Amino acid sequence: MDDKQNHPSNSGEMQSSTPVRDERAVFRKRVLKIGGAVTLVLVGLFTLPIPFGSLKVTGSDKVTVQDVMVAGDIHEPVNILQISTEKIVERLTCRRASN
């Protein structure tokens, strides 16, 4: 009876069948942690008002940076990852057509 009580499977500890499975589990956890961290950084860059980049209008004396900011609903601090260029072009062309 003493042999059954001292057996590793009865001690409550999980025994891995092979060291390869342990290495895979460690690798999988590491990949998930790194992937989660990268995802959090990207979500933060795309959603939080973090200053990232700047605006510069070239090629036109009639359109100012303030015009582009108003048309694109862009607020300070400028985060270029949050700017929709299609929306800005659409609003500026509608504004030019109405003038």
Protein backbone atom coordinates (compact mmCIF):
# COMPACT_ATOMS: atom_id res chain seq x y z
CA MET A 1 0.00 0.00 0.00
CA ASP A 2 2.87 2.36 0.64
CA ASP A 3 3.96 2.05 -2.98
CA LYS A 4 0.60 3.33 -4.25
CA GLN A 5 0.63 6.35 -1.92
CA ASN A 6 4.16 7.41 -2.91
CA HIS A 7 3.64 6.96 -6.63
CA PRO A 8 4.08 10.27 -8.58
CA SER A 9 0.66 9.96 -10.21
CA ASN A 10 -0.99 10.05 -6.77
CA SER A 11 0.90 13.08 -5.51
CA GLY A 12 -1.33 15.59 -7.33
CA GLU A 13 1.45 16.76 -9.62
CA MET A 14 0.90 16.57 -13.35
CA GLN A 15 3.55 14.61 -15.13
CA SER A 16 4.22 15.44 -18.77
CA SER A 17 4.55 12.44 -21.01
CA THR A 18 7.53 13.91 -22.91
CA PRO A 19 9.83 16.92 -22.62
CA VAL A 20 8.86 17.89 -26.18
CA ARG A 21 5.30 18.62 -25.04
CA ASP A 22 6.64 20.84 -22.27
CA GLU A 23 8.76 22.76 -24.76
CA ARG A 24 5.78 23.17 -27.08
CA ALA A 25 3.63 24.42 -24.24
CA VAL A 26 6.28 26.95 -23.20
CA PHE A 27 6.70 28.08 -26.82
CA ARG A 28 2.93 28.38 -27.27
CA LYS A 29 2.61 30.49 -24.09
CA ARG A 30 5.49 32.73 -25.19
CA VAL A 31 3.94 33.24 -28.65
CA LEU A 32 0.57 34.06 -27.09
CA LYS A 33 2.14 36.59 -24.71
CA ILE A 34 4.11 38.30 -27.49
CA GLY A 35 1.09 38.25 -29.80
CA GLY A 36 -1.08 39.75 -27.08
CA ALA A 37 1.42 42.50 -26.40
CA VAL A 38 1.73 43.37 -30.10
CA THR A 39 -2.06 43.41 -30.42
CA LEU A 40 -2.41 45.76 -27.45
CA VAL A 41 0.19 48.15 -28.89
CA LEU A 42 -1.51 48.21 -32.30
CA VAL A 43 -4.97 48.72 -30.80
CA GLY A 44 -3.56 51.56 -28.71
CA LEU A 45 -1.97 53.23 -31.73
CA PHE A 46 -5.18 53.04 -33.75
CA THR A 47 -7.60 54.13 -31.00
CA LEU A 48 -5.89 56.27 -28.37
CA PRO A 49 -5.15 59.97 -29.02
CA ILE A 50 -1.42 59.39 -29.16
CA PRO A 51 0.57 61.95 -31.20
CA PHE A 52 1.87 59.97 -34.12
CA GLY A 53 2.95 61.87 -37.23
CA SER A 54 2.09 65.29 -38.56
CA LEU A 55 0.04 66.88 -41.33
CA LYS A 56 1.52 68.80 -44.23
CA VAL A 57 -0.50 70.11 -47.16
CA THR A 58 1.43 70.46 -50.42
CA GLY A 59 0.45 71.45 -53.93
CA SER A 60 -2.28 73.94 -53.09
CA ASP A 61 -2.27 77.48 -51.75
CA LYS A 62 -6.05 77.45 -51.27
CA VAL A 63 -6.27 74.46 -48.90
CA THR A 64 -4.69 74.91 -45.50
CA VAL A 65 -3.86 72.38 -42.82
CA GLN A 66 -6.80 73.73 -40.80
CA ASP A 67 -9.14 73.04 -43.77
CA VAL A 68 -7.93 69.46 -43.92
CA MET A 69 -8.27 69.05 -40.15
CA VAL A 70 -11.86 70.34 -40.21
CA ALA A 71 -12.80 68.28 -43.28
CA GLY A 72 -11.29 65.11 -41.84
CA ASP A 73 -12.59 65.69 -38.31
CA ILE A 74 -8.99 65.52 -37.09
CA HIS A 75 -8.19 66.71 -33.59
CA GLU A 76 -4.97 67.53 -31.80
CA PRO A 77 -2.79 65.58 -31.15
CA VAL A 78 -2.64 64.24 -34.70
CA ASN A 79 -2.47 60.47 -35.09
CA ILE A 80 -2.05 59.69 -38.79
CA LEU A 81 -3.20 56.09 -38.26
CA GLN A 82 -6.69 57.36 -37.40
CA ILE A 83 -7.08 59.55 -40.49
CA SER A 84 -9.40 58.42 -43.27
CA THR A 85 -8.00 59.89 -46.49
CA GLU A 86 -11.10 58.87 -48.45
CA LYS A 87 -13.33 60.89 -46.11
CA ILE A 88 -11.05 63.93 -46.38
CA VAL A 89 -10.96 63.79 -50.19
CA GLU A 90 -14.73 63.38 -50.36
CA ARG A 91 -15.40 66.31 -48.03
CA LEU A 92 -12.88 68.59 -49.72
CA THR A 93 -14.24 67.85 -53.22
CA CYS A 94 -17.83 68.46 -52.03
CA ARG A 95 -16.74 71.71 -50.43
CA ARG A 96 -14.93 72.81 -53.61
CA ALA A 97 -17.93 71.88 -55.82
CA SER A 98 -20.34 73.89 -53.65
CA ASN A 99 -18.13 77.02 -53.77
